[in-house]
Amino acid sequence: MITNEQVIRAWHNGKAAKAGSLSTDGSDLYSYNLLIGKHSGGMIFEHTAQGGSFYSQTTSKHVNLAIRLSDFANIVIPG
């Protein structure tokens, strides 16, 4: 069984992966059907309460995991 961490690492390496509600096609990273990251440009969209665009607690966990595990520095506040 693949973990959320493995999905984030696959996304970071441009590979497709899926674990529950977190998925990537290698280019875009999704929590449920919400785009939370783009490999192109190294962007992570901060869909969290802190970022002002809260979607769900699970999505917040996915976003924070992506921020923690990747070296993508372009954190985008949606809006």
N, C-alpha and C. Protein backbone atom coordinates (compact mmCIF):
# COMPACT_ATOMS: atom_id res chain seq x y z
N MET A 1 0.84 -1.18 0.00
CA MET A 1 0.00 0.00 0.00
C MET A 1 0.90 1.25 0.00
N ILE A 2 0.58 2.19 -0.85
CA ILE A 2 1.35 3.42 -0.97
C ILE A 2 0.89 4.43 0.09
N THR A 3 1.82 5.22 0.61
CA THR A 3 1.50 6.20 1.64
C THR A 3 1.40 7.60 1.04
N ASN A 4 0.85 8.53 1.81
CA ASN A 4 0.78 9.92 1.37
C ASN A 4 2.18 10.47 1.12
N GLU A 5 3.14 10.11 1.97
CA GLU A 5 4.51 10.57 1.78
C GLU A 5 5.06 10.09 0.44
N GLN A 6 4.76 8.86 0.07
CA GLN A 6 5.23 8.33 -1.21
C GLN A 6 4.58 9.05 -2.38
N VAL A 7 3.31 9.45 -2.24
CA VAL A 7 2.64 10.22 -3.29
C VAL A 7 3.33 11.57 -3.47
N ILE A 8 3.64 12.25 -2.38
CA ILE A 8 4.33 13.54 -2.46
C ILE A 8 5.69 13.37 -3.11
N ARG A 9 6.43 12.35 -2.73
CA ARG A 9 7.76 12.12 -3.33
C ARG A 9 7.63 11.78 -4.82
N ALA A 10 6.62 11.01 -5.18
CA ALA A 10 6.39 10.70 -6.60
C ALA A 10 6.11 11.98 -7.37
N TRP A 11 5.24 12.83 -6.84
CA TRP A 11 4.93 14.12 -7.48
C TRP A 11 6.19 14.95 -7.64
N HIS A 12 6.98 15.00 -6.59
CA HIS A 12 8.22 15.77 -6.63
C HIS A 12 9.15 15.25 -7.72
N ASN A 13 9.09 13.94 -7.97
CA ASN A 13 9.95 13.32 -8.99
C ASN A 13 9.26 13.19 -10.35
N GLY A 14 8.07 13.78 -10.49
CA GLY A 14 7.38 13.77 -11.78
C GLY A 14 6.73 12.46 -12.14
N LYS A 15 6.34 11.66 -11.14
CA LYS A 15 5.72 10.36 -11.39
C LYS A 15 4.30 10.31 -10.83
N ALA A 16 3.46 9.52 -11.43
CA ALA A 16 2.07 9.37 -10.99
C ALA A 16 1.98 8.45 -9.78
N ALA A 17 1.04 8.77 -8.89
CA ALA A 17 0.79 7.93 -7.71
C ALA A 17 -0.53 8.34 -7.07
N LYS A 18 -1.10 7.43 -6.26
CA LYS A 18 -2.36 7.72 -5.57
C LYS A 18 -2.41 6.96 -4.26
N ALA A 19 -2.88 7.64 -3.22
CA ALA A 19 -3.12 7.01 -1.91
C ALA A 19 -4.36 7.66 -1.34
N GLY A 20 -5.47 6.94 -1.32
CA GLY A 20 -6.71 7.49 -0.80
C GLY A 20 -7.14 8.73 -1.55
N SER A 21 -7.25 9.86 -0.85
CA SER A 21 -7.73 11.10 -1.47
C SER A 21 -6.59 11.99 -1.96
N LEU A 22 -5.35 11.54 -1.88
CA LEU A 22 -4.20 12.29 -2.37
C LEU A 22 -3.69 11.62 -3.63
N SER A 23 -3.54 12.40 -4.70
CA SER A 23 -3.08 11.81 -5.96
C SER A 23 -2.27 12.80 -6.78
N THR A 24 -1.48 12.25 -7.68
CA THR A 24 -0.72 13.04 -8.62
C THR A 24 -0.62 12.31 -9.95
N ASP A 25 -0.60 13.11 -11.01
CA ASP A 25 -0.33 12.56 -12.34
C ASP A 25 1.13 12.76 -12.70
N GLY A 26 1.92 13.24 -11.74
CA GLY A 26 3.32 13.53 -11.94
C GLY A 26 3.56 15.00 -12.21
N SER A 27 2.50 15.69 -12.58
CA SER A 27 2.59 17.12 -12.85
C SER A 27 1.82 17.92 -11.79
N ASP A 28 0.58 17.53 -11.57
CA ASP A 28 -0.28 18.22 -10.60
C ASP A 28 -0.53 17.32 -9.40
N LEU A 29 -0.69 17.95 -8.23
CA LEU A 29 -0.97 17.24 -7.00
C LEU A 29 -2.36 17.62 -6.53
N TYR A 30 -3.18 16.62 -6.19
CA TYR A 30 -4.57 16.85 -5.81
C TYR A 30 -4.89 16.25 -4.45
N SER A 31 -5.67 17.00 -3.69
CA SER A 31 -6.30 16.49 -2.48
C SER A 31 -7.78 16.42 -2.82
N TYR A 32 -8.34 15.23 -2.83
CA TYR A 32 -9.66 15.00 -3.41
C TYR A 32 -9.56 15.47 -4.87
N ASN A 33 -10.37 16.39 -5.32
CA ASN A 33 -10.25 16.91 -6.69
C ASN A 33 -9.73 18.34 -6.71
N LEU A 34 -9.19 18.79 -5.58
CA LEU A 34 -8.69 20.15 -5.45
C LEU A 34 -7.19 20.20 -5.76
N LEU A 35 -6.81 21.04 -6.71
CA LEU A 35 -5.41 21.20 -7.06
C LEU A 35 -4.67 21.86 -5.89
N ILE A 36 -3.67 21.18 -5.36
CA ILE A 36 -2.89 21.75 -4.26
C ILE A 36 -1.42 21.95 -4.63
N GLY A 37 -1.01 21.47 -5.80
CA GLY A 37 0.38 21.67 -6.20
C GLY A 37 0.59 21.50 -7.68
N LYS A 38 1.55 22.24 -8.22
CA LYS A 38 1.94 22.13 -9.63
C LYS A 38 3.44 21.92 -9.67
N HIS A 39 3.85 20.85 -10.31
CA HIS A 39 5.28 20.56 -10.43
C HIS A 39 5.96 21.67 -11.21
N SER A 40 5.33 22.10 -12.29
CA SER A 40 5.85 23.21 -13.10
C SER A 40 5.79 24.48 -12.26
N GLY A 41 6.93 25.07 -12.02
CA GLY A 41 6.98 26.27 -11.19
C GLY A 41 7.15 25.97 -9.71
N GLY A 42 7.11 24.69 -9.35
CA GLY A 42 7.31 24.29 -7.95
C GLY A 42 6.33 24.95 -7.00
N MET A 43 5.05 24.96 -7.39
CA MET A 43 4.05 25.67 -6.60
C MET A 43 3.24 24.73 -5.71
N ILE A 44 3.01 25.17 -4.48
CA ILE A 44 2.10 24.50 -3.56
C ILE A 44 1.07 25.55 -3.14
N PHE A 45 -0.20 25.23 -3.33
CA PHE A 45 -1.28 26.15 -2.99
C PHE A 45 -1.71 25.90 -1.54
N GLU A 46 -1.60 26.92 -0.72
CA GLU A 46 -1.85 26.77 0.71
C GLU A 46 -3.34 26.80 1.03
N HIS A 47 -4.00 25.69 0.71
CA HIS A 47 -5.43 25.53 1.02
C HIS A 47 -5.57 25.07 2.47
N THR A 48 -5.26 25.99 3.38
CA THR A 48 -5.34 25.72 4.82
C THR A 48 -6.02 26.91 5.48
N ALA A 49 -6.38 26.76 6.74
CA ALA A 49 -6.96 27.88 7.48
C ALA A 49 -5.95 29.02 7.56
N GLN A 50 -4.69 28.69 7.76
CA GLN A 50 -3.64 29.70 7.81
C GLN A 50 -3.51 30.45 6.49
N GLY A 51 -3.66 29.72 5.39
CA GLY A 51 -3.55 30.32 4.07
C GLY A 51 -4.80 31.07 3.65
N GLY A 52 -5.86 30.97 4.45
CA GLY A 52 -7.09 31.70 4.15
C GLY A 52 -7.99 31.03 3.14
N SER A 53 -7.66 29.79 2.77
CA SER A 53 -8.45 29.06 1.78
C SER A 53 -8.70 27.64 2.28
N PHE A 54 -9.29 27.53 3.46
CA PHE A 54 -9.52 26.23 4.09
C PHE A 54 -10.52 25.42 3.28
N TYR A 55 -10.17 24.15 3.02
CA TYR A 55 -11.04 23.23 2.30
C TYR A 55 -11.52 22.12 3.23
N SER A 56 -10.57 21.45 3.87
CA SER A 56 -10.89 20.41 4.84
C SER A 56 -9.64 20.14 5.67
N GLN A 57 -9.83 19.46 6.80
CA GLN A 57 -8.70 19.12 7.64
C GLN A 57 -7.75 18.17 6.90
N THR A 58 -8.31 17.24 6.14
CA THR A 58 -7.48 16.31 5.38
C THR A 58 -6.66 17.06 4.34
N THR A 59 -7.28 17.99 3.62
CA THR A 59 -6.54 18.76 2.62
C THR A 59 -5.44 19.58 3.29
N SER A 60 -5.72 20.16 4.44
CA SER A 60 -4.70 20.91 5.18
C SER A 60 -3.51 20.00 5.50
N LYS A 61 -3.78 18.77 5.91
CA LYS A 61 -2.71 17.82 6.19
C LYS A 61 -1.91 17.52 4.93
N HIS A 62 -2.59 17.34 3.81
CA HIS A 62 -1.90 17.07 2.54
C HIS A 62 -1.01 18.25 2.15
N VAL A 63 -1.53 19.47 2.26
CA VAL A 63 -0.77 20.66 1.91
C VAL A 63 0.47 20.78 2.80
N ASN A 64 0.27 20.63 4.10
CA ASN A 64 1.40 20.75 5.02
C ASN A 64 2.44 19.67 4.80
N LEU A 65 2.01 18.47 4.44
CA LEU A 65 2.94 17.39 4.13
C LEU A 65 3.73 17.72 2.88
N ALA A 66 3.07 18.26 1.87
CA ALA A 66 3.76 18.66 0.63
C ALA A 66 4.79 19.74 0.91
N ILE A 67 4.44 20.71 1.74
CA ILE A 67 5.38 21.77 2.09
C ILE A 67 6.58 21.19 2.83
N ARG A 68 6.31 20.30 3.75
CA ARG A 68 7.38 19.72 4.58
C ARG A 68 8.31 18.80 3.78
N LEU A 69 7.76 18.02 2.85
CA LEU A 69 8.56 17.01 2.16
C LEU A 69 9.23 17.47 0.87
N SER A 70 8.74 18.53 0.28
CA SER A 70 9.32 18.94 -1.00
C SER A 70 10.23 20.13 -0.80
N ASP A 71 11.09 20.36 -1.78
CA ASP A 71 11.93 21.55 -1.71
C ASP A 71 11.37 22.65 -2.60
N PHE A 72 10.10 22.51 -2.99
CA PHE A 72 9.43 23.56 -3.75
C PHE A 72 9.18 24.73 -2.81
N ALA A 73 9.70 25.87 -3.15
CA ALA A 73 9.66 27.01 -2.25
C ALA A 73 8.57 28.01 -2.60
N ASN A 74 7.85 27.79 -3.69
CA ASN A 74 6.85 28.74 -4.14
C ASN A 74 5.49 28.39 -3.53
N ILE A 75 5.26 28.85 -2.28
CA ILE A 75 4.01 28.61 -1.58
C ILE A 75 3.05 29.73 -1.98
N VAL A 76 1.91 29.36 -2.57
CA VAL A 76 0.97 30.32 -3.11
C VAL A 76 -0.27 30.39 -2.21
N ILE A 77 -0.63 31.61 -1.83
CA ILE A 77 -1.87 31.82 -1.09
C ILE A 77 -2.99 31.95 -2.12
N PRO A 78 -3.92 30.98 -2.19
CA PRO A 78 -5.00 31.06 -3.18
C PRO A 78 -5.92 32.26 -2.92
N GLY A 79 -6.45 32.75 -3.97
CA GLY A 79 -7.41 33.82 -3.75
C GLY A 79 -7.50 34.72 -4.88
